[in-house]
Amino acid sequence: MSRSKWKTPFIEKSLLKNLSIKKTKPIWSRRSTIYPAAVGLKLIIHNGKDMFTRKIKPEMVGHKLGEFVTTRKNFIQKKKKVVTIKQKK
């Protein structure tokens, strides 16, 4: 469900301070919207376990920070081992 049109996009207050100072500090707010002022910055975003560095591009404006850092691992199916049985003589 999207945010109401009459409300402004949400952005964390600490993130706004970082944008004005142009510093790269870790960000835990994945729900914050990317503003045009952040284009070109490198942000360190938390995914729940690790911190990932992402450079903000113009195409990212209007999206949430959490969309660009995955929180789940890709499932890779393991290959089954083939067991050969030696026959007795």
N, C-alpha and C. Protein backbone atom coordinates (compact mmCIF):
# COMPACT_ATOMS: atom_id res chain seq x y z
N MET A 1 0.84 -1.16 0.00
CA MET A 1 0.00 0.00 0.00
C MET A 1 0.90 1.24 0.00
N SER A 2 0.63 2.18 -0.86
CA SER A 2 1.49 3.35 -0.98
C SER A 2 1.09 4.43 0.03
N ARG A 3 1.96 5.37 0.17
CA ARG A 3 1.73 6.48 1.10
C ARG A 3 0.73 7.46 0.49
N SER A 4 -0.07 8.12 1.32
CA SER A 4 -1.07 9.07 0.83
C SER A 4 -0.42 10.19 0.04
N LYS A 5 -1.11 10.66 -1.00
CA LYS A 5 -0.54 11.69 -1.86
C LYS A 5 -0.41 13.03 -1.16
N TRP A 6 -1.26 13.32 -0.19
CA TRP A 6 -1.19 14.61 0.48
C TRP A 6 -0.04 14.69 1.47
N LYS A 7 0.53 13.53 1.84
CA LYS A 7 1.69 13.51 2.73
C LYS A 7 2.97 13.64 1.91
N THR A 8 3.98 14.21 2.51
CA THR A 8 5.27 14.28 1.83
C THR A 8 5.99 12.94 1.97
N PRO A 9 6.94 12.61 1.09
CA PRO A 9 7.68 11.36 1.24
C PRO A 9 8.45 11.33 2.56
N PHE A 10 8.51 10.16 3.16
CA PHE A 10 9.17 10.02 4.46
C PHE A 10 10.68 9.97 4.28
N ILE A 11 11.39 10.69 5.11
CA ILE A 11 12.85 10.59 5.19
C ILE A 11 13.27 10.81 6.63
N GLU A 12 14.16 9.99 7.11
CA GLU A 12 14.64 10.05 8.49
C GLU A 12 15.38 11.37 8.73
N LYS A 13 15.19 11.97 9.90
CA LYS A 13 15.83 13.26 10.21
C LYS A 13 17.35 13.15 10.19
N SER A 14 17.89 12.06 10.71
CA SER A 14 19.34 11.90 10.71
C SER A 14 19.89 11.77 9.29
N LEU A 15 19.12 11.20 8.40
CA LEU A 15 19.53 11.08 7.01
C LEU A 15 19.57 12.45 6.34
N LEU A 16 18.62 13.31 6.68
CA LEU A 16 18.62 14.68 6.14
C LEU A 16 19.87 15.44 6.57
N LYS A 17 20.31 15.23 7.81
CA LYS A 17 21.53 15.87 8.30
C LYS A 17 22.74 15.38 7.50
N ASN A 18 22.78 14.06 7.23
CA ASN A 18 23.89 13.48 6.47
C ASN A 18 23.92 14.05 5.05
N LEU A 19 22.76 14.28 4.47
CA LEU A 19 22.71 14.81 3.11
C LEU A 19 23.24 16.23 3.05
N SER A 20 22.96 17.02 4.09
CA SER A 20 23.42 18.39 4.08
C SER A 20 24.93 18.48 4.35
N ILE A 21 25.46 17.55 5.13
CA ILE A 21 26.88 17.54 5.46
C ILE A 21 27.69 16.81 4.39
N LYS A 22 27.05 15.95 3.61
CA LYS A 22 27.70 15.14 2.56
C LYS A 22 28.68 14.13 3.16
N LYS A 23 28.34 13.57 4.32
CA LYS A 23 29.16 12.54 4.95
C LYS A 23 28.54 11.17 4.72
N THR A 24 29.36 10.15 4.74
CA THR A 24 28.84 8.79 4.63
C THR A 24 28.84 8.17 6.03
N LYS A 25 27.65 8.02 6.57
CA LYS A 25 27.46 7.37 7.86
C LYS A 25 26.53 6.20 7.65
N PRO A 26 26.63 5.19 8.50
CA PRO A 26 25.71 4.06 8.37
C PRO A 26 24.25 4.48 8.57
N ILE A 27 23.36 3.89 7.77
CA ILE A 27 21.94 4.22 7.81
C ILE A 27 21.15 2.95 8.09
N TRP A 28 20.33 2.98 9.13
CA TRP A 28 19.50 1.84 9.46
C TRP A 28 18.07 2.02 8.96
N SER A 29 17.71 3.20 8.50
CA SER A 29 16.36 3.49 8.06
C SER A 29 16.18 3.08 6.60
N ARG A 30 15.72 1.86 6.38
CA ARG A 30 15.49 1.36 5.03
C ARG A 30 14.19 1.92 4.44
N ARG A 31 13.33 2.49 5.28
CA ARG A 31 12.03 2.97 4.82
C ARG A 31 12.09 4.40 4.29
N SER A 32 13.24 5.04 4.39
CA SER A 32 13.38 6.43 3.93
C SER A 32 13.39 6.50 2.40
N THR A 33 12.75 7.55 1.87
CA THR A 33 12.70 7.78 0.44
C THR A 33 13.97 8.49 0.00
N ILE A 34 14.45 8.17 -1.19
CA ILE A 34 15.65 8.81 -1.72
C ILE A 34 15.27 10.13 -2.36
N TYR A 35 15.90 11.21 -1.93
CA TYR A 35 15.66 12.56 -2.42
C TYR A 35 16.68 12.90 -3.51
N PRO A 36 16.37 13.86 -4.38
CA PRO A 36 17.32 14.28 -5.41
C PRO A 36 18.63 14.83 -4.84
N ALA A 37 18.60 15.35 -3.62
CA ALA A 37 19.82 15.88 -3.00
C ALA A 37 20.85 14.78 -2.70
N ALA A 38 20.41 13.53 -2.67
CA ALA A 38 21.30 12.42 -2.34
C ALA A 38 22.01 11.84 -3.56
N VAL A 39 21.68 12.30 -4.75
CA VAL A 39 22.28 11.75 -5.98
C VAL A 39 23.78 11.99 -5.96
N GLY A 40 24.54 10.93 -6.21
CA GLY A 40 25.99 11.02 -6.23
C GLY A 40 26.65 10.63 -4.91
N LEU A 41 25.89 10.52 -3.84
CA LEU A 41 26.45 10.15 -2.54
C LEU A 41 26.60 8.64 -2.43
N LYS A 42 27.54 8.22 -1.59
CA LYS A 42 27.67 6.81 -1.25
C LYS A 42 27.09 6.63 0.14
N LEU A 43 26.05 5.82 0.25
CA LEU A 43 25.40 5.57 1.53
C LEU A 43 25.68 4.16 1.99
N ILE A 44 25.85 3.99 3.28
CA ILE A 44 26.06 2.67 3.88
C ILE A 44 24.73 2.26 4.49
N ILE A 45 24.09 1.23 3.89
CA ILE A 45 22.74 0.83 4.28
C ILE A 45 22.78 -0.52 4.98
N HIS A 46 22.04 -0.65 6.06
CA HIS A 46 21.98 -1.88 6.84
C HIS A 46 20.88 -2.79 6.28
N ASN A 47 21.16 -4.08 6.13
CA ASN A 47 20.15 -5.00 5.61
C ASN A 47 19.60 -5.93 6.68
N GLY A 48 19.96 -5.72 7.92
CA GLY A 48 19.51 -6.57 9.01
C GLY A 48 20.64 -7.39 9.59
N LYS A 49 21.70 -7.59 8.80
CA LYS A 49 22.84 -8.34 9.26
C LYS A 49 24.15 -7.62 8.95
N ASP A 50 24.29 -7.15 7.74
CA ASP A 50 25.52 -6.52 7.28
C ASP A 50 25.24 -5.10 6.78
N MET A 51 26.31 -4.37 6.54
CA MET A 51 26.21 -3.03 5.97
C MET A 51 26.71 -3.09 4.52
N PHE A 52 25.96 -2.47 3.61
CA PHE A 52 26.32 -2.44 2.21
C PHE A 52 26.44 -1.00 1.73
N THR A 53 27.46 -0.73 0.94
CA THR A 53 27.66 0.60 0.38
C THR A 53 27.00 0.66 -0.99
N ARG A 54 26.18 1.67 -1.20
CA ARG A 54 25.50 1.87 -2.48
C ARG A 54 25.68 3.32 -2.91
N LYS A 55 26.01 3.53 -4.17
CA LYS A 55 26.09 4.87 -4.72
C LYS A 55 24.72 5.23 -5.29
N ILE A 56 24.20 6.38 -4.91
CA ILE A 56 22.86 6.79 -5.33
C ILE A 56 22.92 7.37 -6.73
N LYS A 57 22.08 6.83 -7.61
CA LYS A 57 22.00 7.25 -9.00
C LYS A 57 20.69 7.99 -9.22
N PRO A 58 20.59 8.78 -10.30
CA PRO A 58 19.35 9.53 -10.56
C PRO A 58 18.12 8.63 -10.74
N GLU A 59 18.30 7.40 -11.21
CA GLU A 59 17.17 6.49 -11.40
C GLU A 59 16.55 6.04 -10.08
N MET A 60 17.29 6.17 -8.99
CA MET A 60 16.85 5.70 -7.68
C MET A 60 15.94 6.70 -6.96
N VAL A 61 15.88 7.94 -7.42
CA VAL A 61 15.11 8.99 -6.75
C VAL A 61 13.63 8.59 -6.71
N GLY A 62 13.03 8.70 -5.53
CA GLY A 62 11.63 8.35 -5.34
C GLY A 62 11.43 6.96 -4.80
N HIS A 63 12.45 6.12 -4.83
CA HIS A 63 12.36 4.77 -4.30
C HIS A 63 12.84 4.76 -2.85
N LYS A 64 12.64 3.64 -2.17
CA LYS A 64 13.08 3.49 -0.79
C LYS A 64 14.51 2.94 -0.76
N LEU A 65 15.23 3.24 0.31
CA LEU A 65 16.61 2.74 0.44
C LEU A 65 16.66 1.22 0.52
N GLY A 66 15.68 0.62 1.16
CA GLY A 66 15.66 -0.83 1.34
C GLY A 66 15.49 -1.62 0.07
N GLU A 67 15.05 -0.98 -1.01
CA GLU A 67 14.86 -1.69 -2.27
C GLU A 67 16.17 -2.09 -2.92
N PHE A 68 17.26 -1.44 -2.54
CA PHE A 68 18.54 -1.64 -3.21
C PHE A 68 19.51 -2.50 -2.42
N VAL A 69 19.06 -3.02 -1.28
CA VAL A 69 19.88 -3.92 -0.47
C VAL A 69 19.03 -5.13 -0.13
N THR A 70 19.43 -6.31 -0.61
CA THR A 70 18.63 -7.50 -0.37
C THR A 70 18.81 -7.99 1.06
N THR A 71 17.76 -8.58 1.60
CA THR A 71 17.81 -9.09 2.97
C THR A 71 17.84 -10.61 3.03
N ARG A 72 17.60 -11.25 1.92
CA ARG A 72 17.56 -12.71 1.89
C ARG A 72 18.59 -13.25 0.92
N LYS A 73 19.08 -14.44 1.22
CA LYS A 73 20.04 -15.10 0.34
C LYS A 73 19.29 -15.79 -0.79
N ASN A 74 19.94 -15.90 -1.93
CA ASN A 74 19.37 -16.66 -3.03
C ASN A 74 19.50 -18.14 -2.72
N PHE A 75 18.45 -18.89 -3.01
CA PHE A 75 18.46 -20.32 -2.76
C PHE A 75 19.17 -21.02 -3.91
N ILE A 76 20.20 -21.80 -3.59
CA ILE A 76 20.93 -22.57 -4.59
C ILE A 76 20.78 -24.03 -4.23
N GLN A 77 20.18 -24.77 -5.14
CA GLN A 77 19.95 -26.18 -4.89
C GLN A 77 21.26 -26.94 -5.04
N LYS A 78 21.56 -27.79 -4.06
CA LYS A 78 22.79 -28.56 -4.09
C LYS A 78 22.63 -29.75 -5.02
N LYS A 79 23.73 -30.10 -5.69
CA LYS A 79 23.71 -31.26 -6.57
C LYS A 79 23.78 -32.53 -5.72
N LYS A 80 23.05 -33.55 -6.16
CA LYS A 80 23.06 -34.81 -5.44
C LYS A 80 24.32 -35.59 -5.79
N LYS A 81 24.86 -36.26 -4.80
CA LYS A 81 26.05 -37.07 -5.01
C LYS A 81 25.64 -38.42 -5.60
N VAL A 82 26.40 -38.87 -6.57
CA VAL A 82 26.14 -40.17 -7.18
C VAL A 82 27.06 -41.17 -6.49
N VAL A 83 26.44 -42.18 -5.90
CA VAL A 83 27.20 -43.20 -5.18
C VAL A 83 27.29 -44.43 -6.06
N THR A 84 28.49 -44.90 -6.30
CA THR A 84 28.67 -46.14 -7.08
C THR A 84 28.99 -47.27 -6.11
N ILE A 85 28.35 -48.41 -6.34
CA ILE A 85 28.54 -49.56 -5.48
C ILE A 85 29.43 -50.56 -6.22
N LYS A 86 30.52 -50.98 -5.53
CA LYS A 86 31.42 -51.95 -6.14
C LYS A 86 30.86 -53.35 -5.89
N GLN A 87 30.84 -54.14 -6.97
CA GLN A 87 30.30 -55.49 -6.85
C GLN A 87 31.39 -56.46 -6.43
N LYS A 88 31.02 -57.44 -5.62
CA LYS A 88 31.95 -58.46 -5.17
C LYS A 88 32.04 -59.57 -6.21
N LYS A 89 33.22 -60.18 -6.32
CA LYS A 89 33.40 -61.30 -7.24
C LYS A 89 33.22 -62.61 -6.58
